[in-house]
């Protein structure tokens, strides 16, 4: 039984936790719970969801899958959620999209795809979003670009081309943008370089051969 009545942050990442027992009664409120890189499966999420007061939950690198997202989506007050590398697809994205209190969502290394991106686009309250390594192309980016309030966006290692880059360039609140490892060429880069509020930009490992638009930016800094 949990007896740490004033516990606010619990770090249990990088262990071998593989099962949970029913929690009766539910434990005291924990604000931040890190269970990254364990052996947690979909069936275990029903017990994790009983923990009250969690604002940040890290379940990255487990075995949550689409089935486990239904219990997580019922957690009230959750603002930051890490579910990277959990075999989550479009179905899981559709379930998670119902979490209207969530502000920061990290879903890298899953199978969200363009179909899942369309569901995520309904989360207009999101300000930080990672969909790196999710087989997302220009169609999916068009959906994501509808989230007007995003300031931090990671779409690295996907299948985004110049058309997708143009969609991203319309997201004028973005300050931190990662588009590394895509299929962006000169025209796409030119669109991105027009974004006014960017502070950190990563275009590594694309197909850019010239930076004429970027040269204009450098001249303004002289």
N, C-alpha and C. Protein backbone atom coordinates (compact mmCIF):
# COMPACT_ATOMS: atom_id res chain seq x y z
N UNK A 1 0.85 -1.21 0.00
CA UNK A 1 0.00 0.00 0.00
C UNK A 1 0.88 1.26 0.00
N UNK A 2 0.46 2.23 -0.81
CA UNK A 2 1.21 3.48 -0.88
C UNK A 2 0.97 4.31 0.37
N UNK A 3 2.04 4.66 1.08
CA UNK A 3 1.90 5.42 2.32
C UNK A 3 2.53 6.79 2.25
N UNK A 4 3.11 7.14 1.11
CA UNK A 4 3.75 8.45 0.95
C UNK A 4 2.67 9.48 0.64
N UNK A 5 2.03 9.96 1.66
CA UNK A 5 0.83 10.77 1.50
C UNK A 5 1.07 12.12 0.84
N UNK A 6 2.31 12.60 0.85
CA UNK A 6 2.60 13.91 0.26
C UNK A 6 3.35 13.77 -1.07
N UNK A 7 3.40 12.57 -1.60
CA UNK A 7 4.12 12.32 -2.85
C UNK A 7 3.48 13.07 -4.01
N UNK A 8 4.28 13.80 -4.76
CA UNK A 8 3.80 14.54 -5.92
C UNK A 8 4.40 14.03 -7.23
N UNK A 9 5.66 13.57 -7.19
CA UNK A 9 6.33 13.07 -8.38
C UNK A 9 6.86 11.66 -8.12
N UNK A 10 6.56 10.74 -9.03
CA UNK A 10 7.02 9.37 -8.88
C UNK A 10 7.71 8.92 -10.18
N UNK A 11 8.99 8.60 -10.07
CA UNK A 11 9.80 8.16 -11.21
C UNK A 11 10.06 6.66 -11.10
N UNK A 12 9.49 5.91 -12.03
CA UNK A 12 9.70 4.46 -12.08
C UNK A 12 10.10 4.01 -13.48
N UNK A 13 10.68 4.92 -14.24
CA UNK A 13 11.07 4.59 -15.61
C UNK A 13 12.26 3.62 -15.63
N UNK A 14 12.40 2.92 -16.76
CA UNK A 14 13.52 2.00 -16.98
C UNK A 14 13.59 0.90 -15.92
N UNK A 15 12.44 0.32 -15.63
CA UNK A 15 12.38 -0.84 -14.76
C UNK A 15 11.78 -2.02 -15.54
N UNK A 16 11.23 -2.97 -14.85
CA UNK A 16 10.63 -4.13 -15.50
C UNK A 16 9.21 -4.36 -15.02
N UNK A 17 8.52 -3.25 -14.75
CA UNK A 17 7.14 -3.32 -14.28
C UNK A 17 6.27 -3.87 -15.40
N UNK A 18 5.57 -4.97 -15.12
CA UNK A 18 4.81 -5.62 -16.18
C UNK A 18 3.37 -5.90 -15.84
N UNK A 19 2.96 -5.59 -14.64
CA UNK A 19 1.57 -5.84 -14.28
C UNK A 19 1.17 -4.95 -13.11
N UNK A 20 -0.13 -4.66 -13.05
CA UNK A 20 -0.68 -3.85 -11.96
C UNK A 20 -1.82 -4.61 -11.31
N UNK A 21 -1.96 -4.42 -10.02
CA UNK A 21 -3.08 -5.00 -9.31
C UNK A 21 -4.17 -3.94 -9.17
N UNK A 22 -5.42 -4.37 -9.01
CA UNK A 22 -6.50 -3.40 -8.78
C UNK A 22 -6.18 -2.51 -7.59
N UNK A 23 -6.45 -1.22 -7.72
CA UNK A 23 -6.11 -0.25 -6.69
C UNK A 23 -7.37 0.15 -5.94
N UNK A 24 -7.51 -0.33 -4.70
CA UNK A 24 -8.68 -0.04 -3.88
C UNK A 24 -8.21 0.29 -2.46
N UNK A 25 -8.44 1.50 -1.96
CA UNK A 25 -8.93 2.64 -2.74
C UNK A 25 -7.84 3.22 -3.63
N UNK A 26 -8.22 4.13 -4.51
CA UNK A 26 -7.22 4.79 -5.36
C UNK A 26 -6.23 5.54 -4.49
N UNK A 27 -4.93 5.53 -4.86
CA UNK A 27 -3.91 6.18 -4.04
C UNK A 27 -4.06 7.70 -4.01
N UNK A 28 -3.20 8.30 -3.20
CA UNK A 28 -3.21 9.76 -3.10
C UNK A 28 -2.85 10.38 -4.45
N UNK A 29 -3.08 11.65 -4.56
CA UNK A 29 -2.83 12.34 -5.82
C UNK A 29 -1.33 12.41 -6.12
N UNK A 30 -0.97 12.09 -7.35
CA UNK A 30 0.40 12.21 -7.83
C UNK A 30 0.36 13.11 -9.07
N UNK A 31 1.11 14.20 -9.04
CA UNK A 31 1.07 15.15 -10.16
C UNK A 31 1.80 14.64 -11.39
N UNK A 32 2.98 14.01 -11.15
CA UNK A 32 3.83 13.58 -12.26
C UNK A 32 4.21 12.12 -12.07
N UNK A 33 3.87 11.30 -13.06
CA UNK A 33 4.12 9.86 -12.99
C UNK A 33 4.88 9.40 -14.22
N UNK A 34 6.09 8.89 -14.00
CA UNK A 34 6.95 8.45 -15.10
C UNK A 34 7.12 6.94 -15.04
N UNK A 35 6.56 6.25 -16.02
CA UNK A 35 6.65 4.80 -16.15
C UNK A 35 7.25 4.41 -17.50
N UNK A 36 8.06 5.29 -18.04
CA UNK A 36 8.67 5.04 -19.34
C UNK A 36 9.54 3.79 -19.33
N UNK A 37 9.51 3.07 -20.44
CA UNK A 37 10.39 1.92 -20.67
C UNK A 37 10.24 0.85 -19.59
N UNK A 38 9.03 0.33 -19.48
CA UNK A 38 8.75 -0.82 -18.65
C UNK A 38 8.11 -1.90 -19.52
N UNK A 39 7.26 -2.71 -18.94
CA UNK A 39 6.59 -3.77 -19.70
C UNK A 39 5.08 -3.67 -19.54
N UNK A 40 4.61 -2.46 -19.50
CA UNK A 40 3.19 -2.19 -19.23
C UNK A 40 2.37 -2.45 -20.49
N UNK A 41 1.30 -3.21 -20.32
CA UNK A 41 0.43 -3.58 -21.43
C UNK A 41 -0.90 -2.84 -21.35
N UNK A 42 -1.70 -3.01 -22.39
CA UNK A 42 -2.99 -2.31 -22.48
C UNK A 42 -3.87 -2.58 -21.26
N UNK A 43 -3.90 -3.83 -20.79
CA UNK A 43 -4.78 -4.18 -19.68
C UNK A 43 -4.41 -3.46 -18.38
N UNK A 44 -3.15 -3.04 -18.27
CA UNK A 44 -2.69 -2.38 -17.05
C UNK A 44 -3.13 -0.93 -16.95
N UNK A 45 -3.50 -0.34 -18.06
CA UNK A 45 -3.84 1.08 -18.06
C UNK A 45 -5.10 1.39 -17.26
N UNK A 46 -5.96 0.39 -17.09
CA UNK A 46 -7.18 0.63 -16.30
C UNK A 46 -6.85 0.96 -14.85
N UNK A 47 -5.74 0.41 -14.34
CA UNK A 47 -5.35 0.67 -12.97
C UNK A 47 -4.57 1.98 -12.86
N UNK A 48 -3.78 2.28 -13.87
CA UNK A 48 -3.07 3.55 -13.90
C UNK A 48 -4.07 4.71 -13.95
N UNK A 49 -5.15 4.51 -14.68
CA UNK A 49 -6.17 5.56 -14.83
C UNK A 49 -6.88 5.88 -13.52
N UNK A 50 -6.76 4.98 -12.52
CA UNK A 50 -7.40 5.21 -11.23
C UNK A 50 -6.63 6.21 -10.37
N UNK A 51 -5.38 6.47 -10.73
CA UNK A 51 -4.56 7.37 -9.94
C UNK A 51 -5.02 8.80 -10.18
N UNK A 52 -5.43 9.47 -9.15
CA UNK A 52 -6.02 10.79 -9.27
C UNK A 52 -4.97 11.89 -9.30
N UNK A 53 -5.30 12.97 -9.97
CA UNK A 53 -4.49 14.18 -9.93
C UNK A 53 -3.29 14.20 -10.85
N UNK A 54 -3.12 13.19 -11.69
CA UNK A 54 -1.96 13.14 -12.58
C UNK A 54 -2.07 14.20 -13.67
N UNK A 55 -1.08 15.06 -13.73
CA UNK A 55 -1.04 16.10 -14.76
C UNK A 55 -0.04 15.76 -15.85
N UNK A 56 1.01 15.00 -15.50
CA UNK A 56 2.00 14.55 -16.48
C UNK A 56 2.16 13.03 -16.36
N UNK A 57 1.92 12.32 -17.46
CA UNK A 57 2.04 10.86 -17.48
C UNK A 57 2.95 10.44 -18.62
N UNK A 58 3.99 9.68 -18.27
CA UNK A 58 4.93 9.19 -19.27
C UNK A 58 4.84 7.66 -19.33
N UNK A 59 4.27 7.16 -20.42
CA UNK A 59 4.16 5.72 -20.66
C UNK A 59 4.87 5.34 -21.95
N UNK A 60 5.82 6.16 -22.37
CA UNK A 60 6.56 5.87 -23.60
C UNK A 60 7.32 4.55 -23.48
N UNK A 61 7.50 3.90 -24.60
CA UNK A 61 8.29 2.67 -24.69
C UNK A 61 7.73 1.56 -23.81
N UNK A 62 6.44 1.35 -23.93
CA UNK A 62 5.77 0.22 -23.30
C UNK A 62 5.00 -0.56 -24.37
N UNK A 63 3.92 -1.19 -23.99
CA UNK A 63 3.14 -2.00 -24.93
C UNK A 63 1.66 -1.65 -24.82
N UNK A 64 1.39 -0.33 -24.88
CA UNK A 64 0.05 0.18 -24.64
C UNK A 64 -0.90 -0.17 -25.79
N UNK A 65 -0.47 0.06 -27.01
CA UNK A 65 -1.27 -0.20 -28.23
C UNK A 65 -2.57 0.60 -28.22
N UNK A 66 -3.38 0.41 -29.24
CA UNK A 66 -4.64 1.15 -29.34
C UNK A 66 -5.57 0.82 -28.18
N UNK A 67 -5.57 -0.44 -27.76
CA UNK A 67 -6.50 -0.88 -26.72
C UNK A 67 -6.28 -0.15 -25.41
N UNK A 68 -5.04 0.22 -25.11
CA UNK A 68 -4.75 0.87 -23.84
C UNK A 68 -5.11 2.34 -23.79
N UNK A 69 -5.35 2.94 -24.93
CA UNK A 69 -5.62 4.38 -24.95
C UNK A 69 -6.99 4.73 -24.37
N UNK A 70 -7.92 3.78 -24.37
CA UNK A 70 -9.28 4.09 -23.92
C UNK A 70 -9.31 4.47 -22.45
N UNK A 71 -8.53 3.76 -21.62
CA UNK A 71 -8.49 4.09 -20.19
C UNK A 71 -7.73 5.39 -19.95
N UNK A 72 -6.65 5.58 -20.66
CA UNK A 72 -5.86 6.81 -20.51
C UNK A 72 -6.70 8.03 -20.86
N UNK A 73 -7.52 7.90 -21.88
CA UNK A 73 -8.34 9.02 -22.34
C UNK A 73 -9.36 9.46 -21.31
N UNK A 74 -9.62 8.61 -20.32
CA UNK A 74 -10.61 8.94 -19.28
C UNK A 74 -10.00 9.68 -18.09
N UNK A 75 -8.69 9.87 -18.11
CA UNK A 75 -8.01 10.53 -16.99
C UNK A 75 -8.28 12.03 -17.01
N UNK A 76 -8.90 12.53 -15.98
CA UNK A 76 -9.25 13.94 -15.88
C UNK A 76 -8.06 14.77 -15.41
N UNK A 77 -7.89 15.94 -16.00
CA UNK A 77 -6.84 16.86 -15.58
C UNK A 77 -5.48 16.61 -16.18
N UNK A 78 -5.35 15.57 -17.00
CA UNK A 78 -4.06 15.26 -17.62
C UNK A 78 -3.71 16.32 -18.65
N UNK A 79 -2.53 16.92 -18.52
CA UNK A 79 -2.12 18.00 -19.42
C UNK A 79 -0.96 17.62 -20.33
N UNK A 80 -0.11 16.68 -19.87
CA UNK A 80 1.05 16.26 -20.65
C UNK A 80 1.09 14.75 -20.71
N UNK A 81 1.18 14.21 -21.94
CA UNK A 81 1.12 12.76 -22.13
C UNK A 81 2.19 12.30 -23.10
N UNK A 82 3.01 11.35 -22.65
CA UNK A 82 4.04 10.73 -23.48
C UNK A 82 3.65 9.29 -23.77
N UNK A 83 3.44 8.98 -25.06
CA UNK A 83 3.08 7.63 -25.47
C UNK A 83 3.92 7.17 -26.66
N UNK A 84 5.13 7.68 -26.76
CA UNK A 84 6.00 7.29 -27.87
C UNK A 84 6.33 5.81 -27.85
N UNK A 85 6.46 5.23 -29.04
CA UNK A 85 6.89 3.83 -29.21
C UNK A 85 5.98 2.86 -28.46
N UNK A 86 4.70 2.87 -28.82
CA UNK A 86 3.71 2.01 -28.16
C UNK A 86 2.79 1.30 -29.14
N UNK A 87 3.13 1.28 -30.41
CA UNK A 87 2.32 0.58 -31.42
C UNK A 87 0.90 1.15 -31.51
N UNK A 88 0.80 2.47 -31.40
CA UNK A 88 -0.49 3.13 -31.48
C UNK A 88 -0.75 3.58 -32.92
N UNK A 89 -1.93 3.28 -33.40
CA UNK A 89 -2.30 3.64 -34.76
C UNK A 89 -3.42 4.65 -34.81
N UNK A 90 -4.10 4.70 -35.94
CA UNK A 90 -5.17 5.68 -36.14
C UNK A 90 -6.31 5.50 -35.15
N UNK A 91 -6.62 4.25 -34.78
CA UNK A 91 -7.68 4.01 -33.82
C UNK A 91 -7.34 4.63 -32.47
N UNK A 92 -6.11 4.42 -32.02
CA UNK A 92 -5.68 5.03 -30.77
C UNK A 92 -5.71 6.55 -30.83
N UNK A 93 -5.32 7.09 -31.98
CA UNK A 93 -5.35 8.54 -32.16
C UNK A 93 -6.77 9.08 -32.05
N UNK A 94 -7.72 8.33 -32.58
CA UNK A 94 -9.12 8.77 -32.52
C UNK A 94 -9.62 8.81 -31.08
N UNK A 95 -9.16 7.86 -30.27
CA UNK A 95 -9.55 7.82 -28.85
C UNK A 95 -8.90 8.95 -28.08
N UNK A 96 -7.60 9.14 -28.30
CA UNK A 96 -6.87 10.20 -27.59
C UNK A 96 -7.37 11.59 -27.95
N UNK A 97 -7.90 11.73 -29.14
CA UNK A 97 -8.36 13.05 -29.60
C UNK A 97 -9.52 13.59 -28.77
N UNK A 98 -10.11 12.75 -27.95
CA UNK A 98 -11.22 13.18 -27.10
C UNK A 98 -10.74 13.84 -25.81
N UNK A 99 -9.42 13.84 -25.59
CA UNK A 99 -8.85 14.42 -24.36
C UNK A 99 -8.69 15.93 -24.54
N UNK A 100 -9.72 16.65 -24.22
CA UNK A 100 -9.74 18.08 -24.49
C UNK A 100 -9.01 18.94 -23.46
N UNK A 101 -8.50 18.35 -22.38
CA UNK A 101 -7.70 19.09 -21.40
C UNK A 101 -6.21 18.99 -21.70
N UNK A 102 -5.84 18.10 -22.59
CA UNK A 102 -4.43 17.84 -22.88
C UNK A 102 -3.80 19.01 -23.63
N UNK A 103 -2.61 19.43 -23.21
CA UNK A 103 -1.89 20.53 -23.84
C UNK A 103 -0.65 20.06 -24.59
N UNK A 104 -0.02 19.01 -24.10
CA UNK A 104 1.26 18.54 -24.66
C UNK A 104 1.15 17.05 -24.94
N UNK A 105 1.31 16.66 -26.20
CA UNK A 105 1.12 15.27 -26.61
C UNK A 105 2.32 14.79 -27.42
N UNK A 106 2.92 13.68 -26.98
CA UNK A 106 4.11 13.14 -27.61
C UNK A 106 3.84 11.70 -28.05
N UNK A 107 3.75 11.50 -29.37
CA UNK A 107 3.37 10.21 -29.94
C UNK A 107 4.40 9.71 -30.95
N UNK A 108 5.66 10.05 -30.76
CA UNK A 108 6.68 9.65 -31.73
C UNK A 108 6.83 8.13 -31.80
N UNK A 109 7.27 7.66 -32.96
CA UNK A 109 7.56 6.23 -33.18
C UNK A 109 6.34 5.35 -32.96
N UNK A 110 5.23 5.75 -33.54
CA UNK A 110 4.03 4.92 -33.56
C UNK A 110 3.60 4.70 -35.01
N UNK A 111 2.34 4.40 -35.24
CA UNK A 111 1.82 4.19 -36.59
C UNK A 111 0.58 5.05 -36.82
N UNK A 112 0.70 6.33 -36.47
CA UNK A 112 -0.45 7.24 -36.53
C UNK A 112 -0.92 7.43 -37.98
N UNK A 113 0.01 7.70 -38.90
CA UNK A 113 -0.34 7.87 -40.31
C UNK A 113 -1.19 9.09 -40.58
N UNK A 114 -1.55 9.26 -41.84
CA UNK A 114 -2.38 10.40 -42.23
C UNK A 114 -3.78 10.32 -41.62
N UNK A 115 -4.31 9.10 -41.53
CA UNK A 115 -5.65 8.93 -40.97
C UNK A 115 -5.68 9.34 -39.50
N UNK A 116 -4.65 8.94 -38.75
CA UNK A 116 -4.59 9.32 -37.34
C UNK A 116 -4.36 10.80 -37.15
N UNK A 117 -3.59 11.40 -38.04
CA UNK A 117 -3.32 12.84 -37.96
C UNK A 117 -4.61 13.65 -38.09
N UNK A 118 -5.53 13.13 -38.86
CA UNK A 118 -6.82 13.82 -39.03
C UNK A 118 -7.58 13.88 -37.71
N UNK A 119 -7.48 12.82 -36.92
CA UNK A 119 -8.12 12.83 -35.60
C UNK A 119 -7.41 13.80 -34.65
N UNK A 120 -6.09 13.77 -34.67
CA UNK A 120 -5.31 14.65 -33.79
C UNK A 120 -5.62 16.11 -34.08
N UNK A 121 -5.95 16.41 -35.32
CA UNK A 121 -6.24 17.79 -35.72
C UNK A 121 -7.44 18.36 -34.98
N UNK A 122 -8.26 17.51 -34.40
CA UNK A 122 -9.41 17.98 -33.65
C UNK A 122 -9.05 18.50 -32.26
N UNK A 123 -7.79 18.33 -31.87
CA UNK A 123 -7.35 18.76 -30.54
C UNK A 123 -6.82 20.19 -30.61
N UNK A 124 -7.71 21.12 -30.72
CA UNK A 124 -7.34 22.51 -30.95
C UNK A 124 -6.63 23.16 -29.76
N UNK A 125 -6.68 22.52 -28.60
CA UNK A 125 -6.05 23.09 -27.41
C UNK A 125 -4.57 22.74 -27.31
N UNK A 126 -4.07 21.84 -28.16
CA UNK A 126 -2.69 21.37 -28.09
C UNK A 126 -1.71 22.50 -28.43
N UNK A 127 -0.65 22.63 -27.61
CA UNK A 127 0.40 23.61 -27.91
C UNK A 127 1.74 22.94 -28.24
N UNK A 128 1.96 21.71 -27.76
CA UNK A 128 3.19 20.96 -28.08
C UNK A 128 2.79 19.60 -28.62
N UNK A 129 3.36 19.24 -29.78
CA UNK A 129 2.97 17.99 -30.42
C UNK A 129 4.17 17.33 -31.09
N UNK A 130 4.37 16.05 -30.79
CA UNK A 130 5.39 15.27 -31.48
C UNK A 130 4.74 14.09 -32.18
N UNK A 131 4.90 14.05 -33.50
CA UNK A 131 4.43 12.93 -34.32
C UNK A 131 5.59 12.42 -35.18
N UNK A 132 6.80 12.50 -34.65
CA UNK A 132 7.96 12.00 -35.37
C UNK A 132 7.84 10.50 -35.62
N UNK A 133 8.34 10.04 -36.75
CA UNK A 133 8.36 8.61 -37.10
C UNK A 133 6.96 7.99 -37.03
N UNK A 134 6.06 8.54 -37.83
CA UNK A 134 4.68 8.06 -37.81
C UNK A 134 4.08 7.87 -39.20
N UNK A 135 4.92 7.84 -40.22
CA UNK A 135 4.46 7.60 -41.60
C UNK A 135 3.44 8.63 -42.05
N UNK A 136 3.70 9.87 -41.68
CA UNK A 136 2.80 10.96 -42.04
C UNK A 136 3.31 11.67 -43.29
N UNK A 137 2.42 11.89 -44.23
CA UNK A 137 2.76 12.58 -45.46
C UNK A 137 2.10 13.93 -45.53
N UNK A 138 2.04 14.49 -46.73
CA UNK A 138 1.48 15.83 -46.91
C UNK A 138 0.01 15.91 -46.52
N UNK A 139 -0.73 14.83 -46.76
CA UNK A 139 -2.16 14.83 -46.41
C UNK A 139 -2.33 14.96 -44.89
N UNK A 140 -1.52 14.23 -44.15
CA UNK A 140 -1.59 14.31 -42.70
C UNK A 140 -1.18 15.67 -42.17
N UNK A 141 -0.17 16.26 -42.79
CA UNK A 141 0.29 17.58 -42.36
C UNK A 141 -0.80 18.63 -42.60
N UNK A 142 -1.53 18.47 -43.68
CA UNK A 142 -2.63 19.40 -43.95
C UNK A 142 -3.62 19.41 -42.79
N UNK A 143 -3.87 18.24 -42.22
CA UNK A 143 -4.75 18.14 -41.07
C UNK A 143 -4.14 18.80 -39.84
N UNK A 144 -2.88 18.46 -39.55
CA UNK A 144 -2.20 19.00 -38.37
C UNK A 144 -2.13 20.52 -38.41
N UNK A 145 -1.98 21.07 -39.60
CA UNK A 145 -1.87 22.53 -39.76
C UNK A 145 -3.13 23.26 -39.32
N UNK A 146 -4.20 22.53 -39.09
CA UNK A 146 -5.45 23.15 -38.63
C UNK A 146 -5.41 23.47 -37.14
N UNK A 147 -4.41 22.93 -36.42
CA UNK A 147 -4.29 23.23 -34.99
C UNK A 147 -3.58 24.57 -34.87
N UNK A 148 -4.30 25.60 -34.60
CA UNK A 148 -3.79 26.96 -34.72
C UNK A 148 -2.85 27.39 -33.59
N UNK A 149 -2.93 26.72 -32.42
CA UNK A 149 -2.18 27.21 -31.27
C UNK A 149 -0.86 26.53 -31.02
N UNK A 150 -0.41 25.64 -31.89
CA UNK A 150 0.83 24.91 -31.66
C UNK A 150 2.04 25.84 -31.69
N UNK A 151 2.89 25.73 -30.67
CA UNK A 151 4.15 26.48 -30.64
C UNK A 151 5.36 25.56 -30.81
N UNK A 152 5.22 24.28 -30.48
CA UNK A 152 6.32 23.32 -30.59
C UNK A 152 5.82 22.11 -31.38
N UNK A 153 6.47 21.84 -32.52
CA UNK A 153 6.01 20.78 -33.41
C UNK A 153 7.18 19.94 -33.92
N UNK A 154 7.09 18.64 -33.72
CA UNK A 154 8.10 17.70 -34.22
C UNK A 154 7.45 16.73 -35.19
N UNK A 155 7.79 16.89 -36.46
CA UNK A 155 7.30 15.99 -37.52
C UNK A 155 8.48 15.33 -38.22
N UNK A 156 9.56 15.14 -37.51
CA UNK A 156 10.77 14.57 -38.12
C UNK A 156 10.56 13.10 -38.51
N UNK A 157 11.36 12.66 -39.48
CA UNK A 157 11.37 11.26 -39.92
C UNK A 157 9.99 10.77 -40.36
N UNK A 158 9.37 11.56 -41.20
CA UNK A 158 8.10 11.17 -41.82
C UNK A 158 8.26 11.18 -43.34
N UNK A 159 7.20 11.46 -44.06
CA UNK A 159 7.22 11.43 -45.52
C UNK A 159 6.69 12.74 -46.09
N UNK A 160 7.13 13.83 -45.50
CA UNK A 160 6.62 15.16 -45.83
C UNK A 160 7.44 15.78 -46.94
N UNK A 161 6.75 16.30 -47.96
CA UNK A 161 7.41 16.96 -49.07
C UNK A 161 7.18 18.46 -49.05
N UNK A 162 7.38 19.07 -50.20
CA UNK A 162 7.23 20.53 -50.29
C UNK A 162 5.82 21.00 -50.00
N UNK A 163 4.84 20.23 -50.44
CA UNK A 163 3.44 20.60 -50.18
C UNK A 163 3.16 20.62 -48.69
N UNK A 164 3.65 19.60 -48.00
CA UNK A 164 3.47 19.55 -46.55
C UNK A 164 4.18 20.68 -45.84
N UNK A 165 5.39 21.02 -46.32
CA UNK A 165 6.13 22.13 -45.73
C UNK A 165 5.36 23.44 -45.88
N UNK A 166 4.69 23.60 -47.02
CA UNK A 166 3.88 24.80 -47.24
C UNK A 166 2.73 24.87 -46.24
N UNK A 167 2.13 23.72 -45.96
CA UNK A 167 1.05 23.69 -44.95
C UNK A 167 1.60 24.11 -43.59
N UNK A 168 2.75 23.57 -43.23
CA UNK A 168 3.36 23.90 -41.94
C UNK A 168 3.65 25.40 -41.84
N UNK A 169 4.07 25.99 -42.94
CA UNK A 169 4.45 27.41 -42.93
C UNK A 169 3.28 28.33 -42.58
N UNK A 170 2.06 27.81 -42.69
CA UNK A 170 0.89 28.61 -42.33
C UNK A 170 0.62 28.61 -40.83
N UNK A 171 1.38 27.80 -40.08
CA UNK A 171 1.20 27.71 -38.63
C UNK A 171 2.07 28.77 -37.97
N UNK A 172 1.58 29.97 -37.92
CA UNK A 172 2.41 31.12 -37.60
C UNK A 172 2.77 31.28 -36.12
N UNK A 173 2.26 30.43 -35.25
CA UNK A 173 2.62 30.53 -33.83
C UNK A 173 3.80 29.62 -33.46
N UNK A 174 4.24 28.81 -34.39
CA UNK A 174 5.31 27.85 -34.09
C UNK A 174 6.63 28.57 -33.81
N UNK A 175 7.27 28.16 -32.72
CA UNK A 175 8.59 28.69 -32.36
C UNK A 175 9.68 27.63 -32.47
N UNK A 176 9.31 26.38 -32.24
CA UNK A 176 10.27 25.27 -32.33
C UNK A 176 9.72 24.24 -33.31
N UNK A 177 10.46 24.02 -34.40
CA UNK A 177 9.98 23.17 -35.48
C UNK A 177 11.05 22.19 -35.92
N UNK A 178 10.69 20.91 -35.94
CA UNK A 178 11.60 19.86 -36.38
C UNK A 178 10.99 19.13 -37.58
N UNK A 179 11.60 19.33 -38.74
CA UNK A 179 11.18 18.66 -39.97
C UNK A 179 12.31 17.82 -40.56
N UNK A 180 13.25 17.43 -39.72
CA UNK A 180 14.38 16.63 -40.18
C UNK A 180 13.92 15.27 -40.71
N UNK A 181 14.70 14.73 -41.64
CA UNK A 181 14.43 13.39 -42.11
C UNK A 181 13.16 13.24 -42.92
N UNK A 182 12.84 14.23 -43.72
CA UNK A 182 11.67 14.16 -44.59
C UNK A 182 12.10 14.23 -46.06
N UNK A 183 11.23 14.70 -46.92
CA UNK A 183 11.51 14.75 -48.35
C UNK A 183 11.35 16.18 -48.89
N UNK A 184 11.75 17.14 -48.07
CA UNK A 184 11.57 18.54 -48.40
C UNK A 184 12.70 19.02 -49.30
N UNK A 185 12.33 19.74 -50.35
CA UNK A 185 13.30 20.28 -51.30
C UNK A 185 13.35 21.81 -51.17
N UNK A 186 13.91 22.45 -52.16
CA UNK A 186 14.12 23.90 -52.08
C UNK A 186 12.84 24.70 -51.91
N UNK A 187 11.81 24.35 -52.67
CA UNK A 187 10.56 25.11 -52.60
C UNK A 187 9.93 25.01 -51.20
N UNK A 188 9.97 23.80 -50.65
CA UNK A 188 9.42 23.62 -49.31
C UNK A 188 10.19 24.40 -48.27
N UNK A 189 11.52 24.38 -48.39
CA UNK A 189 12.35 25.13 -47.47
C UNK A 189 12.06 26.63 -47.55
N UNK A 190 11.82 27.10 -48.76
CA UNK A 190 11.53 28.52 -48.95
C UNK A 190 10.28 28.92 -48.18
N UNK A 191 9.29 28.06 -48.18
CA UNK A 191 8.06 28.34 -47.41
C UNK A 191 8.36 28.41 -45.93
N UNK A 192 9.14 27.43 -45.43
CA UNK A 192 9.44 27.37 -44.00
C UNK A 192 10.22 28.60 -43.55
N UNK A 193 11.15 29.07 -44.40
CA UNK A 193 11.98 30.22 -44.04
C UNK A 193 11.17 31.51 -43.90
N UNK A 194 9.93 31.50 -44.35
CA UNK A 194 9.09 32.68 -44.23
C UNK A 194 8.35 32.76 -42.89
N UNK A 195 8.48 31.72 -42.10
CA UNK A 195 7.79 31.70 -40.81
C UNK A 195 8.45 32.70 -39.85
N UNK A 196 7.66 33.59 -39.29
CA UNK A 196 8.20 34.75 -38.60
C UNK A 196 8.63 34.51 -37.16
N UNK A 197 8.03 33.53 -36.49
CA UNK A 197 8.29 33.38 -35.06
C UNK A 197 9.20 32.21 -34.72
N UNK A 198 9.75 31.56 -35.73
CA UNK A 198 10.61 30.40 -35.49
C UNK A 198 11.87 30.81 -34.72
N UNK A 199 12.15 30.07 -33.65
CA UNK A 199 13.40 30.27 -32.89
C UNK A 199 14.36 29.10 -33.10
N UNK A 200 13.81 27.90 -33.22
CA UNK A 200 14.64 26.71 -33.42
C UNK A 200 14.06 25.90 -34.58
N UNK A 201 14.89 25.70 -35.59
CA UNK A 201 14.44 25.04 -36.81
C UNK A 201 15.41 23.94 -37.20
N UNK A 202 14.89 22.75 -37.45
CA UNK A 202 15.71 21.61 -37.86
C UNK A 202 15.21 21.09 -39.19
N UNK A 203 16.04 21.24 -40.23
CA UNK A 203 15.74 20.71 -41.56
C UNK A 203 16.82 19.72 -42.02
N UNK A 204 17.49 19.12 -41.07
CA UNK A 204 18.52 18.13 -41.41
C UNK A 204 17.96 16.99 -42.25
N UNK A 205 18.80 16.40 -43.07
CA UNK A 205 18.48 15.16 -43.78
C UNK A 205 17.23 15.27 -44.64
N UNK A 206 17.17 16.33 -45.46
CA UNK A 206 16.13 16.47 -46.46
C UNK A 206 16.79 16.50 -47.84
N UNK A 207 16.19 17.19 -48.81
CA UNK A 207 16.74 17.24 -50.16
C UNK A 207 16.95 18.67 -50.62
N UNK A 208 17.42 19.51 -49.71
CA UNK A 208 17.63 20.92 -49.99
C UNK A 208 19.00 21.11 -50.62
N UNK A 209 19.03 21.80 -51.75
CA UNK A 209 20.30 22.01 -52.47
C UNK A 209 20.76 23.46 -52.46
N UNK A 210 19.87 24.37 -52.14
CA UNK A 210 20.27 25.77 -52.05
C UNK A 210 19.45 26.46 -50.98
N UNK A 211 19.98 27.54 -50.47
CA UNK A 211 19.33 28.24 -49.37
C UNK A 211 19.22 29.73 -49.70
N UNK A 212 18.75 30.03 -50.90
CA UNK A 212 18.68 31.43 -51.32
C UNK A 212 17.74 32.24 -50.44
N UNK A 213 16.63 31.64 -50.04
CA UNK A 213 15.70 32.34 -49.15
C UNK A 213 16.34 32.59 -47.79
N UNK A 214 17.11 31.62 -47.34
CA UNK A 214 17.77 31.75 -46.06
C UNK A 214 18.83 32.84 -46.09
N UNK A 215 19.46 33.02 -47.26
CA UNK A 215 20.47 34.07 -47.38
C UNK A 215 19.89 35.45 -47.10
N UNK A 216 18.63 35.65 -47.48
CA UNK A 216 17.97 36.93 -47.23
C UNK A 216 17.82 37.16 -45.73
N UNK A 217 17.54 36.08 -45.00
CA UNK A 217 17.39 36.19 -43.54
C UNK A 217 18.72 36.58 -42.91
N UNK A 218 19.81 36.00 -43.40
CA UNK A 218 21.13 36.29 -42.86
C UNK A 218 21.48 37.78 -43.09
N UNK A 219 21.06 38.31 -44.21
CA UNK A 219 21.34 39.71 -44.51
C UNK A 219 20.64 40.63 -43.51
N UNK A 220 19.45 40.22 -43.07
CA UNK A 220 18.71 41.04 -42.11
C UNK A 220 19.38 41.04 -40.74
N UNK A 221 20.17 40.01 -40.47
CA UNK A 221 20.82 39.90 -39.17
C UNK A 221 22.15 40.65 -39.09
N UNK A 222 22.67 41.10 -40.21
CA UNK A 222 23.97 41.76 -40.24
C UNK A 222 23.88 43.17 -39.61
